Amino acid sequence: MQELGNAINESLSDSDRIAEAIGDIKRAGYDVFLVLEATIGFNKRDSDSVDDDGASEPSPSFESTGKISLTSQDHKFLRALKISVDDQ
């Protein structure tokens, strides 16, 4: 899992396209910060699950902690939609 995270980080850091886009934004007079969030899930393959090619296929499974972080912009947007959110 750590190796996958390192590979994703390295590919973004080495991307000429991303560096060029950030450079364009900076030249336009803006400060840039980039925050990416990835959710990576792992499921142990069940030896009974086999696809048409004879390879094992993982069954989809999702788990939620039930917690999210909202910014002030998120709160403003939700209020505009008349959605209230408890700050817990």
PDB file of N, CA and C in Angstrom:
ATOM      1  N   MET A   1       0.835  -1.182   0.000  1.00  0.00           N
ATOM      2  CA  MET A   1       0.000   0.000   0.000  1.00  0.00           C
ATOM      3  C   MET A   1       0.885   1.253   0.000  1.00  0.00           C
ATOM      4  N   GLN A   2       1.948   1.251   0.801  1.00  0.00           N
ATOM      5  CA  GLN A   2       2.871   2.383   0.845  1.00  0.00           C
ATOM      6  C   GLN A   2       3.532   2.582  -0.513  1.00  0.00           C
ATOM      7  N   GLU A   3       3.908   1.499  -1.169  1.00  0.00           N
ATOM      8  CA  GLU A   3       4.547   1.583  -2.481  1.00  0.00           C
ATOM      9  C   GLU A   3       3.606   2.210  -3.510  1.00  0.00           C
ATOM     10  N   LEU A   4       2.335   1.878  -3.444  1.00  0.00           N
ATOM     11  CA  LEU A   4       1.353   2.468  -4.355  1.00  0.00           C
ATOM     12  C   LEU A   4       1.242   3.965  -4.100  1.00  0.00           C
ATOM     13  N   GLY A   5       1.183   4.365  -2.848  1.00  0.00           N
ATOM     14  CA  GLY A   5       1.121   5.787  -2.519  1.00  0.00           C
ATOM     15  C   GLY A   5       2.347   6.533  -3.014  1.00  0.00           C
ATOM     16  N   ASN A   6       3.520   5.931  -2.837  1.00  0.00           N
ATOM     17  CA  ASN A   6       4.754   6.551  -3.318  1.00  0.00           C
ATOM     18  C   ASN A   6       4.750   6.681  -4.837  1.00  0.00           C
ATOM     19  N   ALA A   7       4.259   5.667  -5.528  1.00  0.00           N
ATOM     20  CA  ALA A   7       4.214   5.701  -6.991  1.00  0.00           C
ATOM     21  C   ALA A   7       3.276   6.797  -7.495  1.00  0.00           C
ATOM     22  N   ILE A   8       2.136   6.962  -6.846  1.00  0.00           N
ATOM     23  CA  ILE A   8       1.188   8.015  -7.234  1.00  0.00           C
ATOM     24  C   ILE A   8       1.811   9.383  -6.995  1.00  0.00           C
ATOM     25  N   ASN A   9       2.407   9.575  -5.834  1.00  0.00           N
ATOM     26  CA  ASN A   9       3.040  10.853  -5.502  1.00  0.00           C
ATOM     27  C   ASN A   9       4.158  11.180  -6.486  1.00  0.00           C
ATOM     28  N   GLU A  10       4.977  10.205  -6.798  1.00  0.00           N
ATOM     29  CA  GLU A  10       6.093  10.417  -7.721  1.00  0.00           C
ATOM     30  C   GLU A  10       5.602  10.755  -9.127  1.00  0.00           C
ATOM     31  N   SER A  11       4.558  10.073  -9.574  1.00  0.00           N
ATOM     32  CA  SER A  11       4.050  10.346 -10.921  1.00  0.00           C
ATOM     33  C   SER A  11       3.479  11.758 -11.024  1.00  0.00           C
ATOM     34  N   LEU A  12       2.847  12.239  -9.962  1.00  0.00           N
ATOM     35  CA  LEU A  12       2.330  13.609  -9.969  1.00  0.00           C
ATOM     36  C   LEU A  12       3.462  14.617  -9.906  1.00  0.00           C
ATOM     37  N   SER A  13       4.467  14.338  -9.093  1.00  0.00           N
ATOM     38  CA  SER A  13       5.600  15.248  -8.938  1.00  0.00           C
ATOM     39  C   SER A  13       6.403  15.365 -10.227  1.00  0.00           C
ATOM     40  N   ASP A  14       6.485  14.287 -10.985  1.00  0.00           N
ATOM     41  CA  ASP A  14       7.277  14.263 -12.209  1.00  0.00           C
ATOM     42  C   ASP A  14       6.490  14.665 -13.455  1.00  0.00           C
ATOM     43  N   SER A  15       5.236  15.018 -13.282  1.00  0.00           N
ATOM     44  CA  SER A  15       4.394  15.326 -14.438  1.00  0.00           C
ATOM     45  C   SER A  15       4.699  16.713 -14.999  1.00  0.00           C
ATOM     46  N   ASP A  16       5.198  16.749 -16.233  1.00  0.00           N
ATOM     47  CA  ASP A  16       5.450  18.026 -16.900  1.00  0.00           C
ATOM     48  C   ASP A  16       4.155  18.784 -17.145  1.00  0.00           C
ATOM     49  N   ARG A  17       3.095  18.055 -17.432  1.00  0.00           N
ATOM     50  CA  ARG A  17       1.794  18.693 -17.699  1.00  0.00           C
ATOM     51  C   ARG A  17       1.268  19.423 -16.463  1.00  0.00           C
ATOM     52  N   ILE A  18       1.367  18.772 -15.296  1.00  0.00           N
ATOM     53  CA  ILE A  18       0.930  19.395 -14.043  1.00  0.00           C
ATOM     54  C   ILE A  18       1.818  20.594 -13.723  1.00  0.00           C
ATOM     55  N   ALA A  19       3.137  20.435 -13.873  1.00  0.00           N
ATOM     56  CA  ALA A  19       4.062  21.536 -13.599  1.00  0.00           C
ATOM     57  C   ALA A  19       3.777  22.725 -14.515  1.00  0.00           C
ATOM     58  N   GLU A  20       3.475  22.467 -15.777  1.00  0.00           N
ATOM     59  CA  GLU A  20       3.163  23.540 -16.721  1.00  0.00           C
ATOM     60  C   GLU A  20       1.876  24.262 -16.334  1.00  0.00           C
ATOM     61  N   ALA A  21       0.856  23.506 -15.959  1.00  0.00           N
ATOM     62  CA  ALA A  21      -0.418  24.123 -15.563  1.00  0.00           C
ATOM     63  C   ALA A  21      -0.246  24.979 -14.310  1.00  0.00           C
ATOM     64  N   ILE A  22       0.508  24.476 -13.331  1.00  0.00           N
ATOM     65  CA  ILE A  22       0.754  25.247 -12.110  1.00  0.00           C
ATOM     66  C   ILE A  22       1.564  26.501 -12.436  1.00  0.00           C
ATOM     67  N   GLY A  23       2.555  26.369 -13.329  1.00  0.00           N
ATOM     68  CA  GLY A  23       3.343  27.522 -13.748  1.00  0.00           C
ATOM     69  C   GLY A  23       2.477  28.591 -14.403  1.00  0.00           C
ATOM     70  N   ASP A  24       1.527  28.177 -15.247  1.00  0.00           N
ATOM     71  CA  ASP A  24       0.615  29.121 -15.901  1.00  0.00           C
ATOM     72  C   ASP A  24      -0.220  29.876 -14.869  1.00  0.00           C
ATOM     73  N   ILE A  25      -0.689  29.172 -13.876  1.00  0.00           N
ATOM     74  CA  ILE A  25      -1.503  29.792 -12.821  1.00  0.00           C
ATOM     75  C   ILE A  25      -0.675  30.790 -12.022  1.00  0.00           C
ATOM     76  N   LYS A  26       0.563  30.410 -11.694  1.00  0.00           N
ATOM     77  CA  LYS A  26       1.441  31.314 -10.947  1.00  0.00           C
ATOM     78  C   LYS A  26       1.770  32.560 -11.756  1.00  0.00           C
ATOM     79  N   ARG A  27       2.024  32.387 -13.063  1.00  0.00           N
ATOM     80  CA  ARG A  27       2.326  33.532 -13.919  1.00  0.00           C
ATOM     81  C   ARG A  27       1.125  34.469 -14.044  1.00  0.00           C
ATOM     82  N   ALA A  28      -0.066  33.929 -13.836  1.00  0.00           N
ATOM     83  CA  ALA A  28      -1.281  34.755 -13.872  1.00  0.00           C
ATOM     84  C   ALA A  28      -1.469  35.508 -12.561  1.00  0.00           C
ATOM     85  N   GLY A  29      -0.565  35.297 -11.584  1.00  0.00           N
ATOM     86  CA  GLY A  29      -0.613  36.050 -10.341  1.00  0.00           C
ATOM     87  C   GLY A  29      -1.285  35.357  -9.181  1.00  0.00           C
ATOM     88  N   TYR A  30      -1.456  34.069  -9.268  1.00  0.00           N
ATOM     89  CA  TYR A  30      -2.118  33.325  -8.197  1.00  0.00           C
ATOM     90  C   TYR A  30      -1.121  32.456  -7.454  1.00  0.00           C
ATOM     91  N   ASP A  31      -1.347  32.266  -6.157  1.00  0.00           N
ATOM     92  CA  ASP A  31      -0.634  31.251  -5.394  1.00  0.00           C
ATOM     93  C   ASP A  31      -1.354  29.935  -5.629  1.00  0.00           C
ATOM     94  N   VAL A  32      -0.605  28.862  -5.666  1.00  0.00           N
ATOM     95  CA  VAL A  32      -1.188  27.555  -5.990  1.00  0.00           C
ATOM     96  C   VAL A  32      -0.931  26.581  -4.851  1.00  0.00           C
ATOM     97  N   PHE A  33      -1.971  25.854  -4.467  1.00  0.00           N
ATOM     98  CA  PHE A  33      -1.777  24.710  -3.596  1.00  0.00           C
ATOM     99  C   PHE A  33      -2.624  23.584  -4.164  1.00  0.00           C
ATOM    100  N   LEU A  34      -2.095  22.405  -4.130  1.00  0.00           N
ATOM    101  CA  LEU A  34      -2.745  21.248  -4.719  1.00  0.00           C
ATOM    102  C   LEU A  34      -2.954  20.204  -3.639  1.00  0.00           C
ATOM    103  N   VAL A  35      -4.199  19.832  -3.432  1.00  0.00           N
ATOM    104  CA  VAL A  35      -4.536  18.803  -2.459  1.00  0.00           C
ATOM    105  C   VAL A  35      -5.325  17.727  -3.184  1.00  0.00           C
ATOM    106  N   LEU A  36      -4.809  16.543  -3.163  1.00  0.00           N
ATOM    107  CA  LEU A  36      -5.495  15.407  -3.772  1.00  0.00           C
ATOM    108  C   LEU A  36      -5.761  14.369  -2.701  1.00  0.00           C
ATOM    109  N   GLU A  37      -6.912  13.765  -2.797  1.00  0.00           N
ATOM    110  CA  GLU A  37      -7.239  12.712  -1.846  1.00  0.00           C
ATOM    111  C   GLU A  37      -7.621  11.471  -2.633  1.00  0.00           C
ATOM    112  N   ALA A  38      -7.013  10.386  -2.291  1.00  0.00           N
ATOM    113  CA  ALA A  38      -7.321   9.124  -2.955  1.00  0.00           C
ATOM    114  C   ALA A  38      -7.770   8.116  -1.907  1.00  0.00           C
ATOM    115  N   THR A  39      -8.784   7.381  -2.248  1.00  0.00           N
ATOM    116  CA  THR A  39      -9.220   6.292  -1.393  1.00  0.00           C
ATOM    117  C   THR A  39      -8.894   5.004  -2.116  1.00  0.00           C
ATOM    118  N   ILE A  40      -8.075   4.198  -1.498  1.00  0.00           N
ATOM    119  CA  ILE A  40      -7.654   2.944  -2.098  1.00  0.00           C
ATOM    120  C   ILE A  40      -8.136   1.820  -1.200  1.00  0.00           C
ATOM    121  N   GLY A  41      -8.877   0.913  -1.762  1.00  0.00           N
ATOM    122  CA  GLY A  41      -9.409  -0.197  -0.974  1.00  0.00           C
ATOM    123  C   GLY A  41      -8.792  -1.515  -1.398  1.00  0.00           C
ATOM    124  N   PHE A  42      -8.678  -2.399  -0.467  1.00  0.00           N
ATOM    125  CA  PHE A  42      -8.149  -3.725  -0.739  1.00  0.00           C
ATOM    126  C   PHE A  42      -9.148  -4.760  -0.224  1.00  0.00           C
ATOM    127  N   ASN A  43      -9.377  -5.750  -1.025  1.00  0.00           N
ATOM    128  CA  ASN A  43     -10.204  -6.880  -0.616  1.00  0.00           C
ATOM    129  C   ASN A  43      -9.451  -8.153  -0.950  1.00  0.00           C
ATOM    130  N   LYS A  44      -9.402  -9.049  -0.010  1.00  0.00           N
ATOM    131  CA  LYS A  44      -8.792 -10.340  -0.267  1.00  0.00           C
ATOM    132  C   LYS A  44      -9.690 -11.092  -1.230  1.00  0.00           C
ATOM    133  N   ARG A  45      -9.110 -11.606  -2.299  1.00  0.00           N
ATOM    134  CA  ARG A  45      -9.894 -12.352  -3.268  1.00  0.00           C
ATOM    135  C   ARG A  45     -10.371 -13.669  -2.676  1.00  0.00           C
ATOM    136  N   ASP A  46     -11.614 -13.969  -2.934  1.00  0.00           N
ATOM    137  CA  ASP A  46     -12.205 -15.228  -2.495  1.00  0.00           C
ATOM    138  C   ASP A  46     -11.860 -16.290  -3.534  1.00  0.00           C
ATOM    139  N   SER A  47     -11.313 -17.393  -3.131  1.00  0.00           N
ATOM    140  CA  SER A  47     -10.896 -18.425  -4.086  1.00  0.00           C
ATOM    141  C   SER A  47     -12.077 -19.015  -4.850  1.00  0.00           C
ATOM    142  N   ASP A  48     -13.314 -18.808  -4.353  1.00  0.00           N
ATOM    143  CA  ASP A  48     -14.494 -19.324  -5.033  1.00  0.00           C
ATOM    144  C   ASP A  48     -14.948 -18.413  -6.171  1.00  0.00           C
ATOM    145  N   SER A  49     -14.548 -17.128  -6.158  1.00  0.00           N
ATOM    146  CA  SER A  49     -14.966 -16.173  -7.184  1.00  0.00           C
ATOM    147  C   SER A  49     -14.027 -16.272  -8.371  1.00  0.00           C
ATOM    148  N   VAL A  50     -14.552 -16.720  -9.512  1.00  0.00           N
ATOM    149  CA  VAL A  50     -13.751 -16.862 -10.717  1.00  0.00           C
ATOM    150  C   VAL A  50     -14.511 -16.236 -11.871  1.00  0.00           C
ATOM    151  N   ASP A  51     -13.808 -15.414 -12.714  1.00  0.00           N
ATOM    152  CA  ASP A  51     -14.478 -14.810 -13.862  1.00  0.00           C
ATOM    153  C   ASP A  51     -14.388 -15.730 -15.073  1.00  0.00           C
ATOM    154  N   ASP A  52     -14.800 -15.239 -16.249  1.00  0.00           N
ATOM    155  CA  ASP A  52     -14.841 -16.049 -17.468  1.00  0.00           C
ATOM    156  C   ASP A  52     -13.464 -16.517 -17.917  1.00  0.00           C
ATOM    157  N   ASP A  53     -12.421 -15.785 -17.593  1.00  0.00           N
ATOM    158  CA  ASP A  53     -11.063 -16.136 -18.000  1.00  0.00           C
ATOM    159  C   ASP A  53     -10.414 -17.111 -17.037  1.00  0.00           C
ATOM    160  N   GLY A  54     -11.110 -17.475 -15.986  1.00  0.00           N
ATOM    161  CA  GLY A  54     -10.553 -18.375 -14.996  1.00  0.00           C
ATOM    162  C   GLY A  54      -9.764 -17.661 -13.920  1.00  0.00           C
ATOM    163  N   ALA A  55      -9.721 -16.332 -13.983  1.00  0.00           N
ATOM    164  CA  ALA A  55      -8.994 -15.556 -12.974  1.00  0.00           C
ATOM    165  C   ALA A  55      -9.925 -15.209 -11.826  1.00  0.00           C
ATOM    166  N   SER A  56      -9.352 -15.081 -10.658  1.00  0.00           N
ATOM    167  CA  SER A  56     -10.149 -14.698  -9.492  1.00  0.00           C
ATOM    168  C   SER A  56     -10.612 -13.261  -9.637  1.00  0.00           C
ATOM    169  N   GLU A  57     -11.795 -12.990  -9.179  1.00  0.00           N
ATOM    170  CA  GLU A  57     -12.355 -11.642  -9.255  1.00  0.00           C
ATOM    171  C   GLU A  57     -12.799 -11.207  -7.868  1.00  0.00           C
ATOM    172  N   PRO A  58     -12.287 -10.053  -7.395  1.00  0.00           N
ATOM    173  CA  PRO A  58     -12.686  -9.615  -6.060  1.00  0.00           C
ATOM    174  C   PRO A  58     -14.135  -9.162  -6.037  1.00  0.00           C
ATOM    175  N   SER A  59     -14.820  -9.450  -4.943  1.00  0.00           N
ATOM    176  CA  SER A  59     -16.187  -8.960  -4.805  1.00  0.00           C
ATOM    177  C   SER A  59     -16.130  -7.543  -4.263  1.00  0.00           C
ATOM    178  N   PRO A  60     -16.940  -6.619  -4.819  1.00  0.00           N
ATOM    179  CA  PRO A  60     -16.887  -5.233  -4.355  1.00  0.00           C
ATOM    180  C   PRO A  60     -17.363  -5.113  -2.918  1.00  0.00           C
ATOM    181  N   SER A  61     -16.648  -4.284  -2.157  1.00  0.00           N
ATOM    182  CA  SER A  61     -16.993  -4.057  -0.770  1.00  0.00           C
ATOM    183  C   SER A  61     -16.568  -2.650  -0.394  1.00  0.00           C
ATOM    184  N   PHE A  62     -17.424  -1.926   0.314  1.00  0.00           N
ATOM    185  CA  PHE A  62     -17.125  -0.570   0.715  1.00  0.00           C
ATOM    186  C   PHE A  62     -17.361  -0.428   2.211  1.00  0.00           C
ATOM    187  N   GLU A  63     -16.498   0.351   2.843  1.00  0.00           N
ATOM    188  CA  GLU A  63     -16.644   0.600   4.262  1.00  0.00           C
ATOM    189  C   GLU A  63     -16.531   2.098   4.498  1.00  0.00           C
ATOM    190  N   SER A  64     -17.416   2.643   5.296  1.00  0.00           N
ATOM    191  CA  SER A  64     -17.416   4.073   5.568  1.00  0.00           C
ATOM    192  C   SER A  64     -17.217   4.330   7.044  1.00  0.00           C
ATOM    193  N   THR A  65     -16.413   5.357   7.343  1.00  0.00           N
ATOM    194  CA  THR A  65     -16.231   5.741   8.739  1.00  0.00           C
ATOM    195  C   THR A  65     -17.360   6.645   9.194  1.00  0.00           C
ATOM    196  N   GLY A  66     -18.088   7.213   8.225  1.00  0.00           N
ATOM    197  CA  GLY A  66     -19.193   8.106   8.564  1.00  0.00           C
ATOM    198  C   GLY A  66     -18.748   9.502   8.926  1.00  0.00           C
ATOM    199  N   LYS A  67     -17.472   9.825   8.713  1.00  0.00           N
ATOM    200  CA  LYS A  67     -16.949  11.146   9.049  1.00  0.00           C
ATOM    201  C   LYS A  67     -16.426  11.805   7.783  1.00  0.00           C
ATOM    202  N   ILE A  68     -16.744  13.092   7.620  1.00  0.00           N
ATOM    203  CA  ILE A  68     -16.205  13.870   6.519  1.00  0.00           C
ATOM    204  C   ILE A  68     -15.752  15.225   7.048  1.00  0.00           C
ATOM    205  N   SER A  69     -14.852  15.839   6.337  1.00  0.00           N
ATOM    206  CA  SER A  69     -14.395  17.180   6.691  1.00  0.00           C
ATOM    207  C   SER A  69     -15.010  18.165   5.710  1.00  0.00           C
ATOM    208  N   LEU A  70     -15.657  19.182   6.229  1.00  0.00           N
ATOM    209  CA  LEU A  70     -16.284  20.180   5.380  1.00  0.00           C
ATOM    210  C   LEU A  70     -15.572  21.515   5.546  1.00  0.00           C
ATOM    211  N   THR A  71     -15.364  22.189   4.424  1.00  0.00           N
ATOM    212  CA  THR A  71     -14.775  23.522   4.467  1.00  0.00           C
ATOM    213  C   THR A  71     -15.884  24.547   4.635  1.00  0.00           C
ATOM    214  N   SER A  72     -15.500  25.799   4.844  1.00  0.00           N
ATOM    215  CA  SER A  72     -16.510  26.857   4.947  1.00  0.00           C
ATOM    216  C   SER A  72     -17.277  26.990   3.634  1.00  0.00           C
ATOM    217  N   GLN A  73     -16.605  26.737   2.514  1.00  0.00           N
ATOM    218  CA  GLN A  73     -17.289  26.765   1.206  1.00  0.00           C
ATOM    219  C   GLN A  73     -18.326  25.645   1.116  1.00  0.00           C
ATOM    220  N   ASP A  74     -17.985  24.484   1.654  1.00  0.00           N
ATOM    221  CA  ASP A  74     -18.937  23.372   1.668  1.00  0.00           C
ATOM    222  C   ASP A  74     -20.189  23.748   2.457  1.00  0.00           C
ATOM    223  N   HIS A  75     -19.978  24.344   3.647  1.00  0.00           N
ATOM    224  CA  HIS A  75     -21.107  24.761   4.484  1.00  0.00           C
ATOM    225  C   HIS A  75     -21.964  25.798   3.763  1.00  0.00           C
ATOM    226  N   LYS A  76     -21.310  26.748   3.108  1.00  0.00           N
ATOM    227  CA  LYS A  76     -22.037  27.797   2.382  1.00  0.00           C
ATOM    228  C   LYS A  76     -22.879  27.178   1.263  1.00  0.00           C
ATOM    229  N   PHE A  77     -22.294  26.247   0.530  1.00  0.00           N
ATOM    230  CA  PHE A  77     -23.012  25.581  -0.557  1.00  0.00           C
ATOM    231  C   PHE A  77     -24.211  24.798  -0.022  1.00  0.00           C
ATOM    232  N   LEU A  78     -24.005  24.051   1.048  1.00  0.00           N
ATOM    233  CA  LEU A  78     -25.096  23.262   1.617  1.00  0.00           C
ATOM    234  C   LEU A  78     -26.209  24.153   2.161  1.00  0.00           C
ATOM    235  N   ARG A  79     -25.841  25.271   2.793  1.00  0.00           N
ATOM    236  CA  ARG A  79     -26.860  26.214   3.271  1.00  0.00           C
ATOM    237  C   ARG A  79     -27.665  26.783   2.105  1.00  0.00           C
ATOM    238  N   ALA A  80     -26.991  27.053   0.979  1.00  0.00           N
ATOM    239  CA  ALA A  80     -27.696  27.559  -0.211  1.00  0.00           C
ATOM    240  C   ALA A  80     -28.716  26.548  -0.718  1.00  0.00           C
ATOM    241  N   LEU A  81     -28.441  25.272  -0.484  1.00  0.00           N
ATOM    242  CA  LEU A  81     -29.375  24.220  -0.876  1.00  0.00           C
ATOM    243  C   LEU A  81     -30.376  23.891   0.237  1.00  0.00           C
ATOM    244  N   LYS A  82     -30.304  24.683   1.323  1.00  0.00           N
ATOM    245  CA  LYS A  82     -31.164  24.499   2.487  1.00  0.00           C
ATOM    246  C   LYS A  82     -30.931  23.121   3.143  1.00  0.00           C
ATOM    247  N   ILE A  83     -29.653  22.744   3.205  1.00  0.00           N
ATOM    248  CA  ILE A  83     -29.249  21.500   3.854  1.00  0.00           C
ATOM    249  C   ILE A  83     -28.459  21.889   5.101  1.00  0.00           C
ATOM    250  N   SER A  84     -28.900  21.431   6.258  1.00  0.00           N
ATOM    251  CA  SER A  84     -28.171  21.745   7.495  1.00  0.00           C
ATOM    252  C   SER A  84     -27.251  20.590   7.843  1.00  0.00           C
ATOM    253  N   VAL A  85     -26.096  20.950   8.400  1.00  0.00           N
ATOM    254  CA  VAL A  85     -25.106  19.955   8.776  1.00  0.00           C
ATOM    255  C   VAL A  85     -24.700  20.227  10.215  1.00  0.00           C
ATOM    256  N   ASP A  86     -24.709  19.188  11.030  1.00  0.00           N
ATOM    257  CA  ASP A  86     -24.263  19.314  12.406  1.00  0.00           C
ATOM    258  C   ASP A  86     -22.745  19.387  12.418  1.00  0.00           C
ATOM    259  N   ASP A  87     -22.164  20.297  13.198  1.00  0.00           N
ATOM    260  CA  ASP A  87     -20.710  20.436  13.306  1.00  0.00           C
ATOM    261  C   ASP A  87     -20.186  19.538  14.417  1.00  0.00           C
ATOM    262  N   GLN A  88     -20.159  18.251  14.188  1.00  0.00           N
ATOM    263  CA  GLN A  88     -19.686  17.309  15.206  1.00  0.00           C
ATOM    264  C   GLN A  88     -18.438  16.638  14.722  1.00  0.00           C
TER     265      GLN A  88
END
